Amino acid sequence: MSLLPWLRGNEAPRPSPRSPAEMVLETLMEELEGQMREAERQQRERSHAERKVCTRVDYSWLASAPRPTYGLSPGERLQLEDVCAKIHPAYCGPAILRFRQLVAEQEPEVQEVSRLFRSVLQEVLERMEKEEEAQRLTRQWSLRPRGSLATFRSRARIAPFASDIHTISEDVERDTPPPRAWSLPEFRAQKED
């Protein structure tokens, strides 16, 4: 009896391969939703603490777990997903770190989190465009000819039969030993006639 069917049956189904753009989109949107949940939890705790100070009575044990009230409108969600899809995978991590930093500094209300997220995405897109522009300019600069063709023609004269270039065949014809290195100048004492 073969164990192969048993081994195949226990394999977990592999998720379909996703493109990097889809993974970036999903990661950024999950980060936004997580930060919105956290902002709502903090807002609820602040309002609960304020009520407790005002009434000096704690009835929190009576209340059931509140349902989350955060949520993005479908139009706003589509707009944010469109912007997230433009983010290059290399910029996903820095975008999340910047977003977390701003949320920690400002402690925004739930409604302000998506606005803050959008501003971080715009910063990242602007940085991407600046870096792409700089790379494009350096590529153009490196591919750009150093002098124009007109100045090259006026400076260089090609004479195929009259040349000052030292060749190996000349040394062979003269029966002189070749120089030690062709890239170095030749230092020999002048022969007196």
C-alpha atoms as a PDB file:
ATOM      1  CA  MET A   1       0.000   0.000   0.000  1.00  0.00           C
ATOM      2  CA  SER A   2       1.395   3.365  -1.032  1.00  0.00           C
ATOM      3  CA  LEU A   3       1.540   6.329   1.349  1.00  0.00           C
ATOM      4  CA  LEU A   4       1.638   8.836  -1.488  1.00  0.00           C
ATOM      5  CA  PRO A   5      -2.141   9.569  -1.518  1.00  0.00           C
ATOM      6  CA  TRP A   6      -2.031  10.192   2.231  1.00  0.00           C
ATOM      7  CA  LEU A   7       0.823  12.635   1.870  1.00  0.00           C
ATOM      8  CA  ARG A   8      -0.846  14.508  -0.978  1.00  0.00           C
ATOM      9  CA  GLY A   9      -4.122  14.751   0.884  1.00  0.00           C
ATOM     10  CA  ASN A  10      -2.512  16.500   3.859  1.00  0.00           C
ATOM     11  CA  GLU A  11      -0.955  19.289   1.820  1.00  0.00           C
ATOM     12  CA  ALA A  12      -2.389  22.670   2.565  1.00  0.00           C
ATOM     13  CA  PRO A  13      -3.808  24.429  -0.468  1.00  0.00           C
ATOM     14  CA  ARG A  14      -1.337  26.994  -1.661  1.00  0.00           C
ATOM     15  CA  PRO A  15      -2.608  30.504  -2.191  1.00  0.00           C
ATOM     16  CA  SER A  16      -2.550  31.717  -5.738  1.00  0.00           C
ATOM     17  CA  PRO A  17       0.487  33.850  -6.509  1.00  0.00           C
ATOM     18  CA  ARG A  18      -0.297  37.527  -6.248  1.00  0.00           C
ATOM     19  CA  SER A  19       1.463  40.356  -7.954  1.00  0.00           C
ATOM     20  CA  PRO A  20       3.601  42.734  -5.871  1.00  0.00           C
ATOM     21  CA  ALA A  21       1.125  45.557  -6.593  1.00  0.00           C
ATOM     22  CA  GLU A  22      -1.733  43.519  -5.111  1.00  0.00           C
ATOM     23  CA  MET A  23       0.332  42.702  -2.040  1.00  0.00           C
ATOM     24  CA  VAL A  24       1.237  46.376  -1.535  1.00  0.00           C
ATOM     25  CA  LEU A  25      -2.410  47.380  -1.927  1.00  0.00           C
ATOM     26  CA  GLU A  26      -3.569  44.778   0.576  1.00  0.00           C
ATOM     27  CA  THR A  27      -0.822  45.607   3.082  1.00  0.00           C
ATOM     28  CA  LEU A  28      -1.467  49.352   2.986  1.00  0.00           C
ATOM     29  CA  MET A  29      -5.239  48.980   3.277  1.00  0.00           C
ATOM     30  CA  GLU A  30      -4.882  46.557   6.203  1.00  0.00           C
ATOM     31  CA  GLU A  31      -2.601  49.074   7.907  1.00  0.00           C
ATOM     32  CA  LEU A  32      -5.208  51.807   7.416  1.00  0.00           C
ATOM     33  CA  GLU A  33      -7.991  49.629   8.822  1.00  0.00           C
ATOM     34  CA  GLY A  34      -5.841  48.614  11.796  1.00  0.00           C
ATOM     35  CA  GLN A  35      -4.982  52.215  12.597  1.00  0.00           C
ATOM     36  CA  MET A  36      -8.653  53.194  12.292  1.00  0.00           C
ATOM     37  CA  ARG A  37      -9.633  50.424  14.749  1.00  0.00           C
ATOM     38  CA  GLU A  38      -6.930  51.557  17.157  1.00  0.00           C
ATOM     39  CA  ALA A  39      -7.994  55.215  16.881  1.00  0.00           C
ATOM     40  CA  GLU A  40     -11.593  54.216  17.563  1.00  0.00           C
ATOM     41  CA  ARG A  41     -10.560  52.151  20.591  1.00  0.00           C
ATOM     42  CA  GLN A  42      -8.563  55.065  21.995  1.00  0.00           C
ATOM     43  CA  GLN A  43     -11.432  57.466  21.318  1.00  0.00           C
ATOM     44  CA  ARG A  44     -13.845  55.108  23.109  1.00  0.00           C
ATOM     45  CA  GLU A  45     -11.478  54.840  26.089  1.00  0.00           C
ATOM     46  CA  ARG A  46     -11.156  58.628  26.319  1.00  0.00           C
ATOM     47  CA  SER A  47     -14.914  59.129  26.225  1.00  0.00           C
ATOM     48  CA  HIS A  48     -15.383  56.339  28.808  1.00  0.00           C
ATOM     49  CA  ALA A  49     -12.806  57.982  31.117  1.00  0.00           C
ATOM     50  CA  GLU A  50     -14.562  61.350  30.720  1.00  0.00           C
ATOM     51  CA  ARG A  51     -17.951  59.788  31.597  1.00  0.00           C
ATOM     52  CA  LYS A  52     -16.422  58.041  34.577  1.00  0.00           C
ATOM     53  CA  VAL A  53     -14.974  61.322  35.859  1.00  0.00           C
ATOM     54  CA  CYS A  54     -18.312  63.116  35.396  1.00  0.00           C
ATOM     55  CA  THR A  55     -20.535  60.460  36.987  1.00  0.00           C
ATOM     56  CA  ARG A  56     -17.944  58.843  39.290  1.00  0.00           C
ATOM     57  CA  VAL A  57     -19.641  55.512  38.597  1.00  0.00           C
ATOM     58  CA  ASP A  58     -18.331  52.747  36.378  1.00  0.00           C
ATOM     59  CA  TYR A  59     -20.982  50.763  34.530  1.00  0.00           C
ATOM     60  CA  SER A  60     -18.610  49.407  31.903  1.00  0.00           C
ATOM     61  CA  TRP A  61     -19.083  45.866  33.161  1.00  0.00           C
ATOM     62  CA  LEU A  62     -22.727  46.068  32.055  1.00  0.00           C
ATOM     63  CA  ALA A  63     -21.977  47.093  28.516  1.00  0.00           C
ATOM     64  CA  SER A  64     -21.333  44.498  25.857  1.00  0.00           C
ATOM     65  CA  ALA A  65     -18.421  44.848  23.474  1.00  0.00           C
ATOM     66  CA  PRO A  66     -19.197  47.792  21.215  1.00  0.00           C
ATOM     67  CA  ARG A  67     -19.478  47.197  17.526  1.00  0.00           C
ATOM     68  CA  PRO A  68     -16.928  49.069  15.449  1.00  0.00           C
ATOM     69  CA  THR A  69     -18.365  52.179  13.890  1.00  0.00           C
ATOM     70  CA  TYR A  70     -15.377  53.031  11.736  1.00  0.00           C
ATOM     71  CA  GLY A  71     -15.672  52.591   8.033  1.00  0.00           C
ATOM     72  CA  LEU A  72     -14.764  54.154   4.762  1.00  0.00           C
ATOM     73  CA  SER A  73     -17.306  55.103   2.194  1.00  0.00           C
ATOM     74  CA  PRO A  74     -17.043  52.994  -0.984  1.00  0.00           C
ATOM     75  CA  GLY A  75     -15.905  56.010  -3.012  1.00  0.00           C
ATOM     76  CA  GLU A  76     -13.219  56.960  -0.525  1.00  0.00           C
ATOM     77  CA  ARG A  77     -12.042  53.341  -0.313  1.00  0.00           C
ATOM     78  CA  LEU A  78     -11.741  53.128  -4.115  1.00  0.00           C
ATOM     79  CA  GLN A  79      -9.789  56.383  -4.235  1.00  0.00           C
ATOM     80  CA  LEU A  80      -7.381  55.170  -1.554  1.00  0.00           C
ATOM     81  CA  GLU A  81      -6.971  51.806  -3.285  1.00  0.00           C
ATOM     82  CA  ASP A  82      -6.211  53.620  -6.541  1.00  0.00           C
ATOM     83  CA  VAL A  83      -3.460  55.632  -4.844  1.00  0.00           C
ATOM     84  CA  CYS A  84      -2.121  52.540  -3.032  1.00  0.00           C
ATOM     85  CA  ALA A  85      -1.865  50.688  -6.353  1.00  0.00           C
ATOM     86  CA  LYS A  86       0.578  53.343  -7.586  1.00  0.00           C
ATOM     87  CA  ILE A  87       3.011  52.752  -4.706  1.00  0.00           C
ATOM     88  CA  HIS A  88       6.117  50.769  -5.648  1.00  0.00           C
ATOM     89  CA  PRO A  89       6.790  47.771  -3.350  1.00  0.00           C
ATOM     90  CA  ALA A  90      10.084  49.296  -2.191  1.00  0.00           C
ATOM     91  CA  TYR A  91       8.198  52.286  -0.773  1.00  0.00           C
ATOM     92  CA  CYS A  92       5.534  50.271   1.075  1.00  0.00           C
ATOM     93  CA  GLY A  93       7.537  49.840   4.293  1.00  0.00           C
ATOM     94  CA  PRO A  94       8.633  53.475   4.547  1.00  0.00           C
ATOM     95  CA  ALA A  95       5.034  54.579   3.870  1.00  0.00           C
ATOM     96  CA  ILE A  96       3.728  52.423   6.723  1.00  0.00           C
ATOM     97  CA  LEU A  97       6.434  53.675   9.088  1.00  0.00           C
ATOM     98  CA  ARG A  98       5.683  57.313   8.229  1.00  0.00           C
ATOM     99  CA  PHE A  99       1.939  56.719   8.690  1.00  0.00           C
ATOM    100  CA  ARG A 100       2.472  55.107  12.088  1.00  0.00           C
ATOM    101  CA  GLN A 101       4.759  57.942  13.127  1.00  0.00           C
ATOM    102  CA  LEU A 102       2.160  60.578  12.216  1.00  0.00           C
ATOM    103  CA  VAL A 103      -0.638  58.662  13.954  1.00  0.00           C
ATOM    104  CA  ALA A 104       1.470  58.380  17.115  1.00  0.00           C
ATOM    105  CA  GLU A 105       2.366  62.083  17.039  1.00  0.00           C
ATOM    106  CA  GLN A 106      -1.085  63.471  16.279  1.00  0.00           C
ATOM    107  CA  GLU A 107      -3.419  60.899  17.898  1.00  0.00           C
ATOM    108  CA  PRO A 108      -6.164  61.661  15.341  1.00  0.00           C
ATOM    109  CA  GLU A 109      -9.878  60.933  15.601  1.00  0.00           C
ATOM    110  CA  VAL A 110     -11.183  58.002  13.557  1.00  0.00           C
ATOM    111  CA  GLN A 111     -12.459  60.282  10.804  1.00  0.00           C
ATOM    112  CA  GLU A 112      -9.051  61.963  10.431  1.00  0.00           C
ATOM    113  CA  VAL A 113      -7.063  58.735  10.013  1.00  0.00           C
ATOM    114  CA  SER A 114      -7.965  58.282   6.341  1.00  0.00           C
ATOM    115  CA  ARG A 115      -7.023  61.919   5.598  1.00  0.00           C
ATOM    116  CA  LEU A 116      -3.672  61.372   7.296  1.00  0.00           C
ATOM    117  CA  PHE A 117      -3.189  58.138   5.338  1.00  0.00           C
ATOM    118  CA  ARG A 118      -3.921  59.933   2.060  1.00  0.00           C
ATOM    119  CA  SER A 119      -1.361  62.650   2.879  1.00  0.00           C
ATOM    120  CA  VAL A 120       1.317  60.009   3.586  1.00  0.00           C
ATOM    121  CA  LEU A 121       0.561  58.279   0.279  1.00  0.00           C
ATOM    122  CA  GLN A 122       0.866  61.603  -1.558  1.00  0.00           C
ATOM    123  CA  GLU A 123       4.246  62.234   0.115  1.00  0.00           C
ATOM    124  CA  VAL A 124       5.459  58.810  -0.991  1.00  0.00           C
ATOM    125  CA  LEU A 125       4.236  59.325  -4.562  1.00  0.00           C
ATOM    126  CA  GLU A 126       6.006  62.693  -4.751  1.00  0.00           C
ATOM    127  CA  ARG A 127       9.225  61.139  -3.443  1.00  0.00           C
ATOM    128  CA  MET A 128       8.927  58.330  -5.999  1.00  0.00           C
ATOM    129  CA  GLU A 129       8.452  60.839  -8.821  1.00  0.00           C
ATOM    130  CA  LYS A 130      11.452  62.912  -7.701  1.00  0.00           C
ATOM    131  CA  GLU A 131      13.692  59.845  -7.513  1.00  0.00           C
ATOM    132  CA  GLU A 132      12.497  58.571 -10.897  1.00  0.00           C
ATOM    133  CA  GLU A 133      13.145  62.009 -12.410  1.00  0.00           C
ATOM    134  CA  ALA A 134      16.645  62.069 -10.908  1.00  0.00           C
ATOM    135  CA  GLN A 135      17.365  58.578 -12.259  1.00  0.00           C
ATOM    136  CA  ARG A 136      16.052  59.555 -15.680  1.00  0.00           C
ATOM    137  CA  LEU A 137      18.244  62.664 -15.728  1.00  0.00           C
ATOM    138  CA  THR A 138      21.348  60.737 -14.687  1.00  0.00           C
ATOM    139  CA  ARG A 139      20.611  58.122 -17.348  1.00  0.00           C
ATOM    140  CA  GLN A 140      20.259  60.843 -19.957  1.00  0.00           C
ATOM    141  CA  TRP A 141      23.449  62.508 -18.759  1.00  0.00           C
ATOM    142  CA  SER A 142      25.421  59.268 -18.916  1.00  0.00           C
ATOM    143  CA  LEU A 143      24.104  58.457 -22.403  1.00  0.00           C
ATOM    144  CA  ARG A 144      24.629  62.006 -23.695  1.00  0.00           C
ATOM    145  CA  PRO A 145      27.635  62.392 -26.014  1.00  0.00           C
ATOM    146  CA  ARG A 146      30.397  64.484 -24.513  1.00  0.00           C
ATOM    147  CA  GLY A 147      30.877  66.673 -27.558  1.00  0.00           C
ATOM    148  CA  SER A 148      28.831  67.410 -30.580  1.00  0.00           C
ATOM    149  CA  LEU A 149      29.574  65.705 -33.857  1.00  0.00           C
ATOM    150  CA  ALA A 150      30.506  69.005 -35.511  1.00  0.00           C
ATOM    151  CA  THR A 151      33.258  69.739 -32.987  1.00  0.00           C
ATOM    152  CA  PHE A 152      34.467  66.146 -33.209  1.00  0.00           C
ATOM    153  CA  ARG A 153      34.833  66.382 -36.984  1.00  0.00           C
ATOM    154  CA  SER A 154      36.733  69.638 -36.805  1.00  0.00           C
ATOM    155  CA  ARG A 155      39.178  68.307 -34.223  1.00  0.00           C
ATOM    156  CA  ALA A 156      39.866  64.831 -35.575  1.00  0.00           C
ATOM    157  CA  ARG A 157      41.500  64.287 -38.912  1.00  0.00           C
ATOM    158  CA  ILE A 158      41.866  60.754 -40.048  1.00  0.00           C
ATOM    159  CA  ALA A 159      44.790  59.941 -42.279  1.00  0.00           C
ATOM    160  CA  PRO A 160      44.860  56.205 -42.918  1.00  0.00           C
ATOM    161  CA  PHE A 161      48.385  56.043 -44.275  1.00  0.00           C
ATOM    162  CA  ALA A 162      50.217  58.581 -42.168  1.00  0.00           C
ATOM    163  CA  SER A 163      50.103  57.641 -38.549  1.00  0.00           C
ATOM    164  CA  ASP A 164      52.019  58.465 -35.408  1.00  0.00           C
ATOM    165  CA  ILE A 165      50.660  55.409 -33.651  1.00  0.00           C
ATOM    166  CA  HIS A 166      53.344  53.003 -32.523  1.00  0.00           C
ATOM    167  CA  THR A 167      52.547  49.384 -33.472  1.00  0.00           C
ATOM    168  CA  ILE A 168      54.033  46.000 -32.762  1.00  0.00           C
ATOM    169  CA  SER A 169      54.716  45.370 -36.423  1.00  0.00           C
ATOM    170  CA  GLU A 170      57.098  48.336 -36.505  1.00  0.00           C
ATOM    171  CA  ASP A 171      59.119  46.766 -33.687  1.00  0.00           C
ATOM    172  CA  VAL A 172      59.237  43.456 -35.505  1.00  0.00           C
ATOM    173  CA  GLU A 173      60.405  45.132 -38.716  1.00  0.00           C
ATOM    174  CA  ARG A 174      63.149  46.982 -36.846  1.00  0.00           C
ATOM    175  CA  ASP A 175      64.210  43.892 -34.839  1.00  0.00           C
ATOM    176  CA  THR A 176      63.860  45.773 -31.561  1.00  0.00           C
ATOM    177  CA  PRO A 177      62.385  44.143 -28.485  1.00  0.00           C
ATOM    178  CA  PRO A 178      58.818  45.169 -27.783  1.00  0.00           C
ATOM    179  CA  PRO A 179      58.259  47.589 -24.916  1.00  0.00           C
ATOM    180  CA  ARG A 180      57.363  46.180 -21.505  1.00  0.00           C
ATOM    181  CA  ALA A 181      53.856  47.609 -21.460  1.00  0.00           C
ATOM    182  CA  TRP A 182      52.086  49.260 -24.340  1.00  0.00           C
ATOM    183  CA  SER A 183      50.122  51.559 -22.061  1.00  0.00           C
ATOM    184  CA  LEU A 184      53.283  53.085 -20.562  1.00  0.00           C
ATOM    185  CA  PRO A 185      55.500  55.578 -22.334  1.00  0.00           C
ATOM    186  CA  GLU A 186      58.863  54.351 -23.456  1.00  0.00           C
ATOM    187  CA  PHE A 187      61.859  55.661 -21.550  1.00  0.00           C
ATOM    188  CA  ARG A 188      65.079  54.927 -23.410  1.00  0.00           C
ATOM    189  CA  ALA A 189      68.277  56.773 -23.603  1.00  0.00           C
ATOM    190  CA  GLN A 190      68.878  58.510 -26.874  1.00  0.00           C
ATOM    191  CA  LYS A 191      71.535  56.803 -29.003  1.00  0.00           C
ATOM    192  CA  GLU A 192      74.300  59.034 -30.145  1.00  0.00           C
ATOM    193  CA  ASP A 193      75.148  58.841 -33.793  1.00  0.00           C
END
